[in-house]
Amino acid sequence: MQVRVADEQDFTGFLNLAAEVEQWFGPMVSEPGFHDAVRKNVLRSTALVATSSGPGLAGGLMFATTHAPIYHIRWLVVSEQARGQGVGRALLTEAMHRFVRGPGTVEVVTFGADHPGATASGARAFYERLGFTPAEATDPGPEGGSRQIYRLAVPHQPFEFSS
């Protein structure tokens, strides 16, 4: 697997990843706002992709640095066939090395505990394994499901996730 900065040719791959998770996150593939977000992150070099020997992208991430020292994971999706293979960790590790300067905080909005995607996607457990802690609830997602902020304190640079 390779993690690299996304380029314009990865746009369709982002849409394919989005199609796999719309049942949990709400519409993205046909949403101009999502298209704009992907393009903006690609232009800013704040979008990363994971590739493997198979077709398509293994995963994708969009990251925001505009409010440093508080950083935001805006979108992280791993393809269904690549889940459980370290793709999400690899994407976040690369994002931490490229974009985060400690001390600081990394935030991500994920499913609330009562959301059907909370268990099925494994997102909450994934972030907790990496050291993120649940924080306050936030606005529901576009599909109406609950959301919660998770935070990770970054005390120093370079930061490494514990095993």
N, C-alpha and C. Protein backbone atom coordinates (compact mmCIF):
# COMPACT_ATOMS: atom_id res chain seq x y z
N MET A 1 0.85 -1.18 0.00
CA MET A 1 0.00 0.00 0.00
C MET A 1 0.89 1.24 0.00
N GLN A 2 0.42 2.24 -0.72
CA GLN A 2 1.11 3.52 -0.78
C GLN A 2 0.13 4.62 -0.40
N VAL A 3 0.57 5.58 0.41
CA VAL A 3 -0.22 6.76 0.74
C VAL A 3 0.48 7.95 0.10
N ARG A 4 -0.30 8.75 -0.60
CA ARG A 4 0.25 9.91 -1.30
C ARG A 4 -0.76 11.03 -1.32
N VAL A 5 -0.29 12.23 -1.69
CA VAL A 5 -1.17 13.38 -1.88
C VAL A 5 -2.05 13.09 -3.09
N ALA A 6 -3.33 13.36 -2.95
CA ALA A 6 -4.27 13.13 -4.05
C ALA A 6 -4.03 14.13 -5.18
N ASP A 7 -4.37 13.69 -6.39
CA ASP A 7 -4.32 14.60 -7.52
C ASP A 7 -5.67 14.55 -8.25
N GLU A 8 -5.79 15.34 -9.31
CA GLU A 8 -7.07 15.45 -10.02
C GLU A 8 -7.58 14.12 -10.54
N GLN A 9 -6.68 13.21 -10.88
CA GLN A 9 -7.10 11.91 -11.39
C GLN A 9 -7.76 11.05 -10.32
N ASP A 10 -7.67 11.44 -9.05
CA ASP A 10 -8.27 10.67 -7.96
C ASP A 10 -9.72 11.06 -7.68
N PHE A 11 -10.25 12.05 -8.39
CA PHE A 11 -11.60 12.54 -8.13
C PHE A 11 -12.63 11.41 -8.20
N THR A 12 -12.60 10.62 -9.25
CA THR A 12 -13.55 9.52 -9.40
C THR A 12 -13.39 8.51 -8.27
N GLY A 13 -12.16 8.28 -7.84
CA GLY A 13 -11.91 7.37 -6.72
C GLY A 13 -12.57 7.87 -5.43
N PHE A 14 -12.53 9.19 -5.19
CA PHE A 14 -13.21 9.75 -4.03
C PHE A 14 -14.72 9.51 -4.13
N LEU A 15 -15.27 9.70 -5.34
CA LEU A 15 -16.71 9.46 -5.52
C LEU A 15 -17.06 7.98 -5.30
N ASN A 16 -16.20 7.08 -5.75
CA ASN A 16 -16.44 5.66 -5.53
C ASN A 16 -16.41 5.31 -4.05
N LEU A 17 -15.47 5.89 -3.31
CA LEU A 17 -15.42 5.67 -1.86
C LEU A 17 -16.68 6.23 -1.20
N ALA A 18 -17.08 7.43 -1.62
CA ALA A 18 -18.28 8.06 -1.06
C ALA A 18 -19.51 7.19 -1.29
N ALA A 19 -19.60 6.58 -2.46
CA ALA A 19 -20.76 5.73 -2.77
C ALA A 19 -20.87 4.56 -1.80
N GLU A 20 -19.75 4.09 -1.29
CA GLU A 20 -19.76 2.96 -0.36
C GLU A 20 -20.31 3.33 1.02
N VAL A 21 -20.33 4.61 1.37
CA VAL A 21 -20.72 4.99 2.73
C VAL A 21 -21.89 5.97 2.80
N GLU A 22 -22.54 6.23 1.67
CA GLU A 22 -23.66 7.17 1.68
C GLU A 22 -24.79 6.72 2.60
N GLN A 23 -24.96 5.44 2.81
CA GLN A 23 -26.02 4.97 3.70
C GLN A 23 -25.79 5.47 5.13
N TRP A 24 -24.56 5.78 5.48
CA TRP A 24 -24.26 6.27 6.84
C TRP A 24 -24.10 7.78 6.89
N PHE A 25 -23.56 8.37 5.82
CA PHE A 25 -23.23 9.80 5.84
C PHE A 25 -24.21 10.68 5.10
N GLY A 26 -25.09 10.08 4.32
CA GLY A 26 -25.99 10.87 3.49
C GLY A 26 -25.39 11.08 2.11
N PRO A 27 -26.13 11.74 1.23
CA PRO A 27 -25.71 11.90 -0.16
C PRO A 27 -24.40 12.66 -0.29
N MET A 28 -23.55 12.15 -1.16
CA MET A 28 -22.30 12.82 -1.48
C MET A 28 -22.01 12.76 -2.98
N VAL A 29 -22.18 11.60 -3.58
CA VAL A 29 -21.76 11.38 -4.96
C VAL A 29 -22.38 12.40 -5.91
N SER A 30 -23.63 12.74 -5.73
CA SER A 30 -24.29 13.68 -6.63
C SER A 30 -24.35 15.10 -6.06
N GLU A 31 -23.69 15.33 -4.93
CA GLU A 31 -23.74 16.64 -4.28
C GLU A 31 -22.62 17.56 -4.74
N PRO A 32 -22.95 18.70 -5.34
CA PRO A 32 -21.92 19.65 -5.77
C PRO A 32 -21.02 20.10 -4.61
N GLY A 33 -21.57 20.22 -3.42
CA GLY A 33 -20.76 20.64 -2.28
C GLY A 33 -19.65 19.64 -1.96
N PHE A 34 -19.94 18.35 -2.08
CA PHE A 34 -18.92 17.33 -1.86
C PHE A 34 -17.87 17.40 -2.98
N HIS A 35 -18.32 17.56 -4.21
CA HIS A 35 -17.39 17.69 -5.34
C HIS A 35 -16.45 18.87 -5.11
N ASP A 36 -17.02 19.99 -4.68
CA ASP A 36 -16.21 21.19 -4.41
C ASP A 36 -15.20 20.94 -3.30
N ALA A 37 -15.63 20.23 -2.24
CA ALA A 37 -14.72 19.94 -1.12
C ALA A 37 -13.55 19.08 -1.58
N VAL A 38 -13.83 18.07 -2.39
CA VAL A 38 -12.76 17.21 -2.90
C VAL A 38 -11.79 18.05 -3.73
N ARG A 39 -12.32 18.82 -4.65
CA ARG A 39 -11.46 19.63 -5.53
C ARG A 39 -10.63 20.63 -4.72
N LYS A 40 -11.25 21.28 -3.75
CA LYS A 40 -10.54 22.26 -2.92
C LYS A 40 -9.40 21.59 -2.15
N ASN A 41 -9.66 20.43 -1.56
CA ASN A 41 -8.62 19.74 -0.81
C ASN A 41 -7.51 19.23 -1.72
N VAL A 42 -7.85 18.80 -2.93
CA VAL A 42 -6.82 18.38 -3.88
C VAL A 42 -5.95 19.57 -4.24
N LEU A 43 -6.56 20.72 -4.54
CA LEU A 43 -5.79 21.92 -4.90
C LEU A 43 -4.89 22.38 -3.76
N ARG A 44 -5.36 22.25 -2.52
CA ARG A 44 -4.58 22.66 -1.34
C ARG A 44 -3.56 21.61 -0.91
N SER A 45 -3.59 20.46 -1.56
CA SER A 45 -2.74 19.32 -1.18
C SER A 45 -3.04 18.83 0.24
N THR A 46 -4.31 18.94 0.65
CA THR A 46 -4.74 18.44 1.96
C THR A 46 -5.65 17.22 1.82
N ALA A 47 -5.60 16.60 0.65
CA ALA A 47 -6.31 15.33 0.42
C ALA A 47 -5.25 14.26 0.20
N LEU A 48 -5.43 13.14 0.87
CA LEU A 48 -4.51 12.01 0.73
C LEU A 48 -5.29 10.81 0.24
N VAL A 49 -4.61 9.92 -0.46
CA VAL A 49 -5.22 8.67 -0.90
C VAL A 49 -4.28 7.52 -0.58
N ALA A 50 -4.89 6.36 -0.37
CA ALA A 50 -4.14 5.12 -0.21
C ALA A 50 -4.45 4.26 -1.42
N THR A 51 -3.40 3.75 -2.04
CA THR A 51 -3.56 2.88 -3.19
C THR A 51 -2.95 1.52 -2.87
N SER A 52 -3.45 0.52 -3.54
CA SER A 52 -2.89 -0.82 -3.39
C SER A 52 -2.85 -1.48 -4.76
N SER A 53 -2.56 -2.73 -4.80
CA SER A 53 -2.44 -3.41 -6.08
C SER A 53 -3.79 -3.60 -6.78
N GLY A 54 -4.88 -3.51 -6.04
CA GLY A 54 -6.20 -3.70 -6.63
C GLY A 54 -6.69 -2.46 -7.35
N PRO A 55 -7.84 -2.57 -8.01
CA PRO A 55 -8.40 -1.40 -8.71
C PRO A 55 -8.97 -0.39 -7.72
N GLY A 56 -8.97 0.85 -8.10
CA GLY A 56 -9.57 1.91 -7.29
C GLY A 56 -8.71 2.28 -6.09
N LEU A 57 -9.25 3.20 -5.31
CA LEU A 57 -8.56 3.65 -4.10
C LEU A 57 -8.89 2.74 -2.93
N ALA A 58 -7.90 2.49 -2.09
CA ALA A 58 -8.13 1.73 -0.86
C ALA A 58 -8.71 2.65 0.21
N GLY A 59 -8.43 3.94 0.11
CA GLY A 59 -8.95 4.89 1.08
C GLY A 59 -8.64 6.31 0.68
N GLY A 60 -9.33 7.25 1.33
CA GLY A 60 -9.12 8.66 1.07
C GLY A 60 -9.36 9.47 2.33
N LEU A 61 -8.70 10.62 2.41
CA LEU A 61 -8.79 11.49 3.58
C LEU A 61 -8.73 12.93 3.12
N MET A 62 -9.53 13.79 3.76
CA MET A 62 -9.43 15.24 3.56
C MET A 62 -9.19 15.85 4.93
N PHE A 63 -8.24 16.78 5.00
CA PHE A 63 -7.75 17.31 6.27
C PHE A 63 -7.79 18.83 6.23
N ALA A 64 -8.09 19.45 7.36
CA ALA A 64 -8.12 20.92 7.42
C ALA A 64 -7.10 21.42 8.43
N THR A 65 -6.32 22.38 7.99
CA THR A 65 -5.28 22.97 8.84
C THR A 65 -5.53 24.45 9.12
N THR A 66 -6.67 24.96 8.68
CA THR A 66 -6.91 26.41 8.71
C THR A 66 -7.09 26.98 10.11
N HIS A 67 -7.34 26.14 11.10
CA HIS A 67 -7.53 26.65 12.46
C HIS A 67 -6.46 26.13 13.41
N ALA A 68 -5.25 25.86 12.88
CA ALA A 68 -4.15 25.36 13.72
C ALA A 68 -3.97 26.31 14.91
N PRO A 69 -3.73 25.75 16.10
CA PRO A 69 -3.32 24.40 16.44
C PRO A 69 -4.46 23.39 16.63
N ILE A 70 -5.66 23.74 16.18
CA ILE A 70 -6.73 22.75 16.16
C ILE A 70 -6.90 22.33 14.70
N TYR A 71 -6.70 21.04 14.46
CA TYR A 71 -6.75 20.47 13.12
C TYR A 71 -8.00 19.62 13.00
N HIS A 72 -8.48 19.44 11.77
CA HIS A 72 -9.74 18.70 11.58
C HIS A 72 -9.61 17.65 10.48
N ILE A 73 -9.98 16.43 10.82
CA ILE A 73 -10.16 15.40 9.82
C ILE A 73 -11.55 15.65 9.26
N ARG A 74 -11.62 16.06 8.01
CA ARG A 74 -12.91 16.40 7.41
C ARG A 74 -13.61 15.18 6.81
N TRP A 75 -12.83 14.20 6.40
CA TRP A 75 -13.43 13.04 5.74
C TRP A 75 -12.38 11.95 5.69
N LEU A 76 -12.73 10.76 6.12
CA LEU A 76 -11.83 9.60 6.05
C LEU A 76 -12.68 8.38 5.75
N VAL A 77 -12.41 7.74 4.61
CA VAL A 77 -13.15 6.55 4.22
C VAL A 77 -12.15 5.52 3.70
N VAL A 78 -12.35 4.29 4.14
CA VAL A 78 -11.58 3.15 3.65
C VAL A 78 -12.55 2.26 2.89
N SER A 79 -12.14 1.79 1.72
CA SER A 79 -13.01 0.94 0.93
C SER A 79 -13.36 -0.33 1.71
N GLU A 80 -14.52 -0.85 1.42
CA GLU A 80 -15.00 -2.03 2.15
C GLU A 80 -14.00 -3.18 2.07
N GLN A 81 -13.43 -3.43 0.89
CA GLN A 81 -12.51 -4.56 0.77
C GLN A 81 -11.17 -4.32 1.46
N ALA A 82 -10.83 -3.06 1.79
CA ALA A 82 -9.55 -2.76 2.43
C ALA A 82 -9.67 -2.55 3.94
N ARG A 83 -10.87 -2.57 4.49
CA ARG A 83 -11.04 -2.33 5.93
C ARG A 83 -10.34 -3.42 6.74
N GLY A 84 -9.76 -3.01 7.86
CA GLY A 84 -9.07 -3.94 8.73
C GLY A 84 -7.65 -4.27 8.29
N GLN A 85 -7.15 -3.56 7.29
CA GLN A 85 -5.80 -3.83 6.77
C GLN A 85 -4.82 -2.70 7.06
N GLY A 86 -5.18 -1.76 7.93
CA GLY A 86 -4.27 -0.68 8.30
C GLY A 86 -4.31 0.54 7.40
N VAL A 87 -5.28 0.59 6.48
CA VAL A 87 -5.35 1.71 5.54
C VAL A 87 -5.70 3.01 6.27
N GLY A 88 -6.70 2.98 7.15
CA GLY A 88 -7.08 4.18 7.88
C GLY A 88 -5.95 4.70 8.74
N ARG A 89 -5.27 3.81 9.44
CA ARG A 89 -4.11 4.20 10.27
C ARG A 89 -3.02 4.81 9.40
N ALA A 90 -2.75 4.21 8.24
CA ALA A 90 -1.71 4.73 7.35
C ALA A 90 -2.06 6.13 6.85
N LEU A 91 -3.33 6.34 6.48
CA LEU A 91 -3.75 7.67 6.04
C LEU A 91 -3.59 8.70 7.16
N LEU A 92 -4.02 8.35 8.37
CA LEU A 92 -3.91 9.29 9.49
C LEU A 92 -2.45 9.52 9.89
N THR A 93 -1.64 8.50 9.84
CA THR A 93 -0.22 8.67 10.16
C THR A 93 0.43 9.65 9.19
N GLU A 94 0.13 9.50 7.90
CA GLU A 94 0.69 10.42 6.91
C GLU A 94 0.15 11.84 7.12
N ALA A 95 -1.14 11.96 7.43
CA ALA A 95 -1.72 13.28 7.69
C ALA A 95 -1.04 13.95 8.89
N MET A 96 -0.81 13.17 9.94
CA MET A 96 -0.17 13.73 11.13
C MET A 96 1.24 14.24 10.80
N HIS A 97 1.99 13.48 10.01
CA HIS A 97 3.35 13.89 9.64
C HIS A 97 3.34 15.11 8.73
N ARG A 98 2.41 15.16 7.81
CA ARG A 98 2.38 16.25 6.83
C ARG A 98 1.79 17.56 7.38
N PHE A 99 0.74 17.46 8.18
CA PHE A 99 -0.08 18.63 8.46
C PHE A 99 -0.08 19.12 9.90
N VAL A 100 0.24 18.29 10.86
CA VAL A 100 0.06 18.65 12.28
C VAL A 100 1.39 19.05 12.90
N ARG A 101 1.37 20.17 13.59
CA ARG A 101 2.51 20.64 14.36
C ARG A 101 2.06 20.77 15.80
N GLY A 102 2.62 19.93 16.68
CA GLY A 102 2.26 19.96 18.09
C GLY A 102 2.99 21.06 18.80
N PRO A 103 2.51 21.48 19.94
CA PRO A 103 1.30 20.94 20.55
C PRO A 103 0.05 21.44 19.84
N GLY A 104 -0.96 20.58 19.85
CA GLY A 104 -2.22 20.90 19.21
C GLY A 104 -3.25 19.84 19.48
N THR A 105 -4.35 19.94 18.77
CA THR A 105 -5.46 19.00 18.92
C THR A 105 -5.99 18.65 17.54
N VAL A 106 -6.28 17.38 17.35
CA VAL A 106 -6.91 16.92 16.11
C VAL A 106 -8.33 16.52 16.46
N GLU A 107 -9.30 17.03 15.69
CA GLU A 107 -10.70 16.72 15.91
C GLU A 107 -11.30 16.04 14.70
N VAL A 108 -12.25 15.16 14.96
CA VAL A 108 -13.01 14.52 13.90
C VAL A 108 -14.44 14.37 14.39
N VAL A 109 -15.39 14.56 13.49
CA VAL A 109 -16.79 14.31 13.80
C VAL A 109 -17.12 12.92 13.26
N THR A 110 -17.62 12.07 14.13
CA THR A 110 -18.01 10.73 13.70
C THR A 110 -19.40 10.42 14.25
N PHE A 111 -19.81 9.19 14.09
CA PHE A 111 -21.16 8.80 14.48
C PHE A 111 -21.36 8.89 15.99
N GLY A 112 -22.56 9.28 16.39
CA GLY A 112 -22.94 9.18 17.78
C GLY A 112 -23.10 7.71 18.14
N ALA A 113 -23.07 7.40 19.43
CA ALA A 113 -23.13 6.00 19.89
C ALA A 113 -24.40 5.30 19.42
N ASP A 114 -25.50 6.03 19.24
CA ASP A 114 -26.76 5.40 18.85
C ASP A 114 -26.95 5.30 17.33
N HIS A 115 -26.01 5.79 16.55
CA HIS A 115 -26.13 5.76 15.09
C HIS A 115 -25.87 4.35 14.59
N PRO A 116 -26.67 3.85 13.63
CA PRO A 116 -26.44 2.50 13.09
C PRO A 116 -25.04 2.30 12.51
N GLY A 117 -24.44 3.35 11.99
CA GLY A 117 -23.10 3.25 11.42
C GLY A 117 -22.01 3.19 12.46
N ALA A 118 -22.33 3.50 13.72
CA ALA A 118 -21.30 3.54 14.76
C ALA A 118 -20.63 2.19 14.92
N THR A 119 -21.40 1.13 14.91
CA THR A 119 -20.85 -0.21 15.05
C THR A 119 -20.49 -0.79 13.69
N ALA A 120 -21.39 -0.65 12.73
CA ALA A 120 -21.18 -1.27 11.41
C ALA A 120 -19.92 -0.75 10.73
N SER A 121 -19.63 0.52 10.86
CA SER A 121 -18.46 1.09 10.20
C SER A 121 -17.19 0.87 10.99
N GLY A 122 -17.32 0.71 12.29
CA GLY A 122 -16.14 0.57 13.15
C GLY A 122 -15.43 1.89 13.41
N ALA A 123 -16.02 3.02 13.01
CA ALA A 123 -15.34 4.31 13.10
C ALA A 123 -15.01 4.69 14.54
N ARG A 124 -15.96 4.57 15.44
CA ARG A 124 -15.71 4.97 16.82
C ARG A 124 -14.58 4.13 17.43
N ALA A 125 -14.63 2.83 17.24
CA ALA A 125 -13.59 1.94 17.78
C ALA A 125 -12.23 2.26 17.13
N PHE A 126 -12.24 2.56 15.84
CA PHE A 126 -11.01 2.92 15.13
C PHE A 126 -10.36 4.14 15.78
N TYR A 127 -11.12 5.20 15.96
CA TYR A 127 -10.55 6.42 16.54
C TYR A 127 -10.10 6.18 17.98
N GLU A 128 -10.85 5.44 18.75
CA GLU A 128 -10.47 5.16 20.13
C GLU A 128 -9.17 4.37 20.19
N ARG A 129 -8.98 3.40 19.29
CA ARG A 129 -7.72 2.63 19.25
C ARG A 129 -6.52 3.54 18.99
N LEU A 130 -6.74 4.62 18.25
CA LEU A 130 -5.65 5.54 17.95
C LEU A 130 -5.44 6.60 19.03
N GLY A 131 -6.24 6.57 20.09
CA GLY A 131 -6.06 7.50 21.20
C GLY A 131 -7.01 8.68 21.22
N PHE A 132 -7.92 8.77 20.27
CA PHE A 132 -8.94 9.83 20.29
C PHE A 132 -9.91 9.54 21.43
N THR A 133 -10.44 10.59 22.03
CA THR A 133 -11.42 10.43 23.10
C THR A 133 -12.74 11.09 22.70
N PRO A 134 -13.85 10.45 23.07
CA PRO A 134 -15.16 11.05 22.76
C PRO A 134 -15.33 12.37 23.49
N ALA A 135 -15.91 13.34 22.82
CA ALA A 135 -16.19 14.66 23.42
C ALA A 135 -17.68 14.93 23.25
N GLU A 136 -18.02 16.18 23.06
CA GLU A 136 -19.42 16.57 23.01
C GLU A 136 -20.13 16.13 21.73
N ALA A 137 -21.43 16.02 21.84
CA ALA A 137 -22.27 15.77 20.67
C ALA A 137 -22.25 17.02 19.80
N THR A 138 -22.53 16.83 18.52
CA THR A 138 -22.60 17.96 17.60
C THR A 138 -23.82 17.78 16.70
N ASP A 139 -23.99 18.66 15.74
CA ASP A 139 -25.17 18.64 14.88
C ASP A 139 -25.32 17.29 14.18
N PRO A 140 -26.56 16.85 13.97
CA PRO A 140 -26.78 15.60 13.25
C PRO A 140 -26.25 15.69 11.82
N GLY A 141 -26.00 14.52 11.23
CA GLY A 141 -25.55 14.46 9.85
C GLY A 141 -26.69 14.75 8.90
N PRO A 142 -26.39 14.88 7.61
CA PRO A 142 -27.42 15.20 6.63
C PRO A 142 -28.52 14.15 6.52
N GLU A 143 -28.22 12.92 6.93
CA GLU A 143 -29.23 11.86 6.90
C GLU A 143 -30.04 11.84 8.19
N GLY A 144 -29.70 12.74 9.15
CA GLY A 144 -30.44 12.85 10.39
C GLY A 144 -29.85 12.07 11.56
N GLY A 145 -28.78 11.32 11.33
CA GLY A 145 -28.17 10.53 12.40
C GLY A 145 -27.31 11.36 13.33
N SER A 146 -27.17 10.86 14.56
CA SER A 146 -26.39 11.59 15.56
C SER A 146 -24.91 11.60 15.22
N ARG A 147 -24.22 12.64 15.70
CA ARG A 147 -22.79 12.81 15.49
C ARG A 147 -22.13 13.22 16.80
N GLN A 148 -20.85 12.87 16.91
CA GLN A 148 -20.07 13.20 18.10
C GLN A 148 -18.67 13.59 17.68
N ILE A 149 -18.10 14.56 18.40
CA ILE A 149 -16.73 14.98 18.16
C ILE A 149 -15.80 14.05 18.94
N TYR A 150 -14.71 13.66 18.31
CA TYR A 150 -13.63 12.93 18.97
C TYR A 150 -12.38 13.80 18.88
N ARG A 151 -11.55 13.78 19.93
CA ARG A 151 -10.36 14.63 19.97
C ARG A 151 -9.12 13.81 20.32
N LEU A 152 -8.01 14.28 19.78
CA LEU A 152 -6.71 13.71 20.08
C LEU A 152 -5.76 14.84 20.41
N ALA A 153 -5.16 14.80 21.60
CA ALA A 153 -4.15 15.79 21.98
C ALA A 153 -2.83 15.38 21.35
N VAL A 154 -2.15 16.35 20.74
CA VAL A 154 -0.85 16.12 20.12
C VAL A 154 0.16 16.97 20.90
N PRO A 155 0.89 16.34 21.83
CA PRO A 155 1.77 17.10 22.69
C PRO A 155 3.08 17.54 22.05
N HIS A 156 3.52 16.86 21.01
CA HIS A 156 4.85 17.13 20.46
C HIS A 156 4.89 16.73 18.99
N GLN A 157 6.00 17.05 18.37
CA GLN A 157 6.23 16.67 16.99
C GLN A 157 7.58 16.00 16.93
N PRO A 158 7.81 14.93 16.24
CA PRO A 158 6.81 14.19 15.48
C PRO A 158 5.93 13.34 16.39
N PHE A 159 4.70 13.22 16.03
CA PHE A 159 3.72 12.45 16.79
C PHE A 159 3.61 11.05 16.19
N GLU A 160 3.54 10.05 17.03
CA GLU A 160 3.36 8.66 16.58
C GLU A 160 2.17 8.08 17.32
N PHE A 161 1.31 7.36 16.60
CA PHE A 161 0.23 6.63 17.24
C PHE A 161 0.82 5.46 17.99
N SER A 162 0.30 5.18 19.17
CA SER A 162 0.76 4.00 19.90
C SER A 162 0.18 2.75 19.25
N SER A 163 0.84 1.65 19.42
CA SER A 163 0.41 0.40 18.76
C SER A 163 -0.84 -0.17 19.32
